[in-house]
Amino acid sequence: RQQMYETKAAGGGATSAAAGDQLVGVASLRSTTMLPSPSISRSKGGGRRDAGMTTVATVSIEEVLRGSSARVRLVKIDTEGAEVNVLRSLLPVLGQLENLVVETSVGWWLRRYNVSRHEGAELYASLLEQHGFALARVSTGKLIEGGAQMRAYIHAFPSDGYWGQVDMWFARDGALLRRANPLMRARKSFFNFL
């Protein structure tokens, strides 16, 4: 049984990590997170409203993995444009991560987080050139095989934040992505047919 832990990161989205049968940690840009409280109270008008927020302590995946030789099979990053900051925070433990799935919102980088397209493209390219990931697969079906191709892809990305989002799967095992790609395309074609 594989457990997964998820919480809100600074970008407003969720970042999860799972490894084998144990909780590994959460990549978070702050030490506490405010989550809606499950308690409900009545408002003056008789309607229901949320009674408040609950503070939940979080721990970064870097803190959990520091000094450990544990391997993490998958980290999913969905932070609505803060992914460059989350990826930077993962650099010290990147060698322990087998697969990264990163929702990429290039159009929000500069507007929300003061991260230039060039800066983000360099970081994404470094995953392939310096950090041992063999391939990246974009949710549109495109395989990206090197840093130059990644830079070109990021620079050609639509400028709109919401409509310009894709998931990118970075894998150390390039053969895994190559085997999965035709299956993913076939599944997409099947659902488009429906």
Protein backbone atom coordinates (compact mmCIF):
# COMPACT_ATOMS: atom_id res chain seq x y z
CA ARG A 1 0.00 0.00 0.00
CA GLN A 2 1.46 3.32 -0.99
CA GLN A 3 0.67 6.40 1.04
CA MET A 4 0.71 9.91 -0.30
CA TYR A 5 0.74 13.12 1.69
CA GLU A 6 -0.44 16.36 0.18
CA THR A 7 -0.64 19.94 1.42
CA LYS A 8 -0.92 23.45 0.08
CA ALA A 9 2.37 25.05 -0.91
CA ALA A 10 3.05 28.77 -1.11
CA GLY A 11 1.82 28.87 -4.71
CA GLY A 12 -1.63 27.72 -3.66
CA GLY A 13 -1.35 24.30 -5.28
CA ALA A 14 -0.38 20.95 -3.89
CA THR A 15 2.96 19.20 -3.84
CA SER A 16 3.07 15.51 -3.02
CA ALA A 17 5.73 12.90 -2.53
CA ALA A 18 5.45 9.15 -2.18
CA ALA A 19 8.04 6.43 -1.68
CA GLY A 20 7.30 2.77 -1.30
CA ASP A 21 5.08 2.14 1.69
CA GLN A 22 6.05 5.17 3.70
CA LEU A 23 5.39 8.85 3.88
CA VAL A 24 8.42 10.71 2.61
CA GLY A 25 7.51 14.35 2.92
CA VAL A 26 6.15 17.45 1.34
CA ALA A 27 8.00 20.10 -0.63
CA SER A 28 6.80 23.28 0.98
CA LEU A 29 8.03 26.83 0.81
CA ARG A 30 7.01 27.62 4.39
CA SER A 31 6.86 25.82 7.72
CA THR A 32 3.13 26.08 8.43
CA THR A 33 0.12 25.95 6.20
CA MET A 34 -3.37 27.26 6.80
CA LEU A 35 -6.10 24.78 5.93
CA PRO A 36 -9.85 25.24 6.26
CA SER A 37 -11.15 24.05 9.58
CA PRO A 38 -13.68 21.23 9.35
CA SER A 39 -15.89 22.88 11.97
CA ILE A 40 -18.94 24.73 10.68
CA SER A 41 -20.90 27.41 12.53
CA ARG A 42 -24.12 29.27 11.86
CA SER A 43 -23.97 32.85 10.58
CA LYS A 44 -26.39 35.55 11.77
CA GLY A 45 -28.57 34.95 8.75
CA GLY A 46 -28.94 31.26 9.65
CA GLY A 47 -26.65 30.05 6.87
CA ARG A 48 -23.61 27.84 7.38
CA ARG A 49 -20.08 29.21 7.18
CA ASP A 50 -16.60 27.94 7.85
CA ALA A 51 -15.57 28.71 11.43
CA GLY A 52 -11.94 29.43 10.59
CA MET A 53 -8.59 28.10 9.57
CA THR A 54 -6.37 25.47 11.12
CA THR A 55 -2.59 25.74 11.18
CA VAL A 56 -0.85 22.54 10.13
CA ALA A 57 2.91 22.09 10.46
CA THR A 58 4.63 20.91 7.30
CA VAL A 59 8.08 19.58 6.65
CA SER A 60 10.01 19.96 3.43
CA ILE A 61 11.06 16.91 1.47
CA GLU A 62 14.64 18.19 1.68
CA GLU A 63 14.45 18.02 5.49
CA VAL A 64 13.07 14.48 5.42
CA LEU A 65 15.67 13.19 2.97
CA ARG A 66 18.71 15.05 4.34
CA GLY A 67 21.31 12.46 5.38
CA SER A 68 19.18 9.58 4.07
CA SER A 69 19.79 7.27 1.15
CA ALA A 70 16.05 6.76 0.58
CA ARG A 71 14.83 6.91 -3.03
CA VAL A 72 11.55 8.59 -3.91
CA ARG A 73 9.68 7.10 -6.87
CA LEU A 74 7.51 10.09 -7.69
CA VAL A 75 7.11 13.74 -6.74
CA LYS A 76 4.13 15.65 -8.18
CA ILE A 77 4.36 19.44 -8.14
CA ASP A 78 1.21 21.49 -8.73
CA THR A 79 1.80 24.96 -7.33
CA GLU A 80 0.11 27.29 -9.85
CA GLY A 81 3.28 28.98 -11.11
CA ALA A 82 5.58 28.52 -8.09
CA GLU A 83 7.14 25.38 -9.58
CA VAL A 84 10.52 27.03 -10.30
CA ASN A 85 10.86 27.93 -6.62
CA VAL A 86 9.83 24.42 -5.57
CA LEU A 87 12.31 22.85 -8.02
CA ARG A 88 15.08 25.09 -6.65
CA SER A 89 14.28 23.88 -3.14
CA LEU A 90 14.56 20.27 -4.34
CA LEU A 91 18.05 20.67 -5.87
CA PRO A 92 19.89 19.31 -2.78
CA VAL A 93 17.90 16.03 -2.90
CA LEU A 94 17.20 15.79 -6.63
CA GLY A 95 19.51 12.78 -6.97
CA GLN A 96 17.15 10.78 -4.75
CA LEU A 97 14.08 11.42 -6.91
CA GLU A 98 13.25 8.97 -9.72
CA ASN A 99 10.38 10.82 -11.40
CA LEU A 100 9.06 14.36 -11.25
CA VAL A 101 5.69 15.41 -12.62
CA VAL A 102 5.59 19.19 -12.71
CA GLU A 103 2.54 21.21 -13.67
CA THR A 104 4.24 24.01 -15.58
CA SER A 105 2.63 27.45 -15.81
CA VAL A 106 5.23 29.59 -17.59
CA GLY A 107 2.80 32.49 -18.04
CA TRP A 108 2.53 32.95 -14.27
CA TRP A 109 6.26 32.80 -13.46
CA LEU A 110 7.04 36.48 -13.95
CA ARG A 111 3.63 37.86 -13.08
CA ARG A 112 3.23 36.02 -9.77
CA TYR A 113 6.73 34.99 -8.67
CA ASN A 114 9.19 37.34 -10.42
CA VAL A 115 10.85 34.43 -12.25
CA SER A 116 11.87 35.16 -15.83
CA ARG A 117 11.18 32.74 -18.66
CA HIS A 118 14.95 32.50 -19.25
CA GLU A 119 15.62 31.64 -15.59
CA GLY A 120 12.93 28.94 -15.57
CA ALA A 121 14.07 27.51 -18.92
CA GLU A 122 17.63 27.19 -17.59
CA LEU A 123 16.46 25.36 -14.48
CA TYR A 124 14.25 22.98 -16.48
CA ALA A 125 17.09 22.35 -18.98
CA SER A 126 19.46 21.59 -16.07
CA LEU A 127 17.20 18.72 -15.00
CA LEU A 128 18.12 17.02 -18.29
CA GLU A 129 21.72 18.24 -18.62
CA GLN A 130 23.07 18.18 -15.06
CA HIS A 131 20.70 16.33 -12.75
CA GLY A 132 20.40 12.95 -14.44
CA PHE A 133 16.90 12.99 -15.86
CA ALA A 134 16.95 11.26 -19.24
CA LEU A 135 13.77 12.57 -20.84
CA ALA A 136 10.76 14.76 -20.26
CA ARG A 137 7.30 14.07 -21.60
CA VAL A 138 4.81 16.90 -21.93
CA SER A 139 1.11 16.18 -21.41
CA THR A 140 0.57 17.11 -25.08
CA GLY A 141 2.57 14.02 -26.05
CA LYS A 142 5.85 15.70 -26.96
CA LEU A 143 9.09 14.05 -25.80
CA ILE A 144 11.89 16.47 -24.87
CA GLU A 145 15.31 14.84 -25.04
CA GLY A 146 17.81 17.54 -24.15
CA GLY A 147 18.46 20.93 -22.63
CA ALA A 148 18.39 22.87 -25.90
CA GLN A 149 15.04 21.36 -26.83
CA MET A 150 13.68 22.18 -23.34
CA ARG A 151 14.86 25.80 -23.55
CA ALA A 152 13.19 26.22 -26.95
CA TYR A 153 9.97 24.65 -25.64
CA ILE A 154 9.83 26.94 -22.58
CA HIS A 155 10.59 30.07 -24.64
CA ALA A 156 7.81 29.19 -27.12
CA PHE A 157 5.30 28.59 -24.31
CA PRO A 158 2.03 30.60 -24.38
CA SER A 159 2.10 33.70 -22.18
CA ASP A 160 -1.31 33.09 -20.58
CA GLY A 161 -0.96 31.51 -17.14
CA TYR A 162 -4.09 29.39 -16.86
CA TRP A 163 -4.53 28.25 -20.45
CA GLY A 164 -0.79 27.82 -20.89
CA GLN A 165 -0.32 24.96 -18.41
CA VAL A 166 1.09 21.53 -19.16
CA ASP A 167 2.29 18.66 -17.01
CA MET A 168 5.89 17.64 -17.61
CA TRP A 169 7.06 14.20 -16.53
CA PHE A 170 10.83 14.05 -15.94
CA ALA A 171 12.14 10.49 -15.69
CA ARG A 172 15.58 9.05 -15.03
CA ASP A 173 14.54 5.95 -16.98
CA GLY A 174 14.13 7.21 -20.55
CA ALA A 175 12.99 3.76 -21.70
CA LEU A 176 10.03 3.99 -19.33
CA LEU A 177 8.87 7.23 -20.94
CA ARG A 178 9.41 5.87 -24.44
CA ARG A 179 7.29 2.79 -23.61
CA ALA A 180 4.58 4.92 -21.96
CA ASN A 181 4.35 7.55 -24.70
CA PRO A 182 2.45 5.50 -27.35
CA LEU A 183 0.08 4.18 -24.66
CA MET A 184 -0.64 7.69 -23.43
CA ARG A 185 -1.25 8.94 -26.96
CA ALA A 186 -3.59 5.99 -27.67
CA ARG A 187 -5.55 6.71 -24.48
CA LYS A 188 -5.87 10.40 -25.44
CA SER A 189 -7.07 9.45 -28.95
CA PHE A 190 -9.62 7.06 -27.49
CA PHE A 191 -11.09 9.72 -25.18
CA ASN A 192 -11.07 12.31 -27.97
CA PHE A 193 -13.12 9.82 -30.06
CA LEU A 194 -15.76 9.61 -27.33
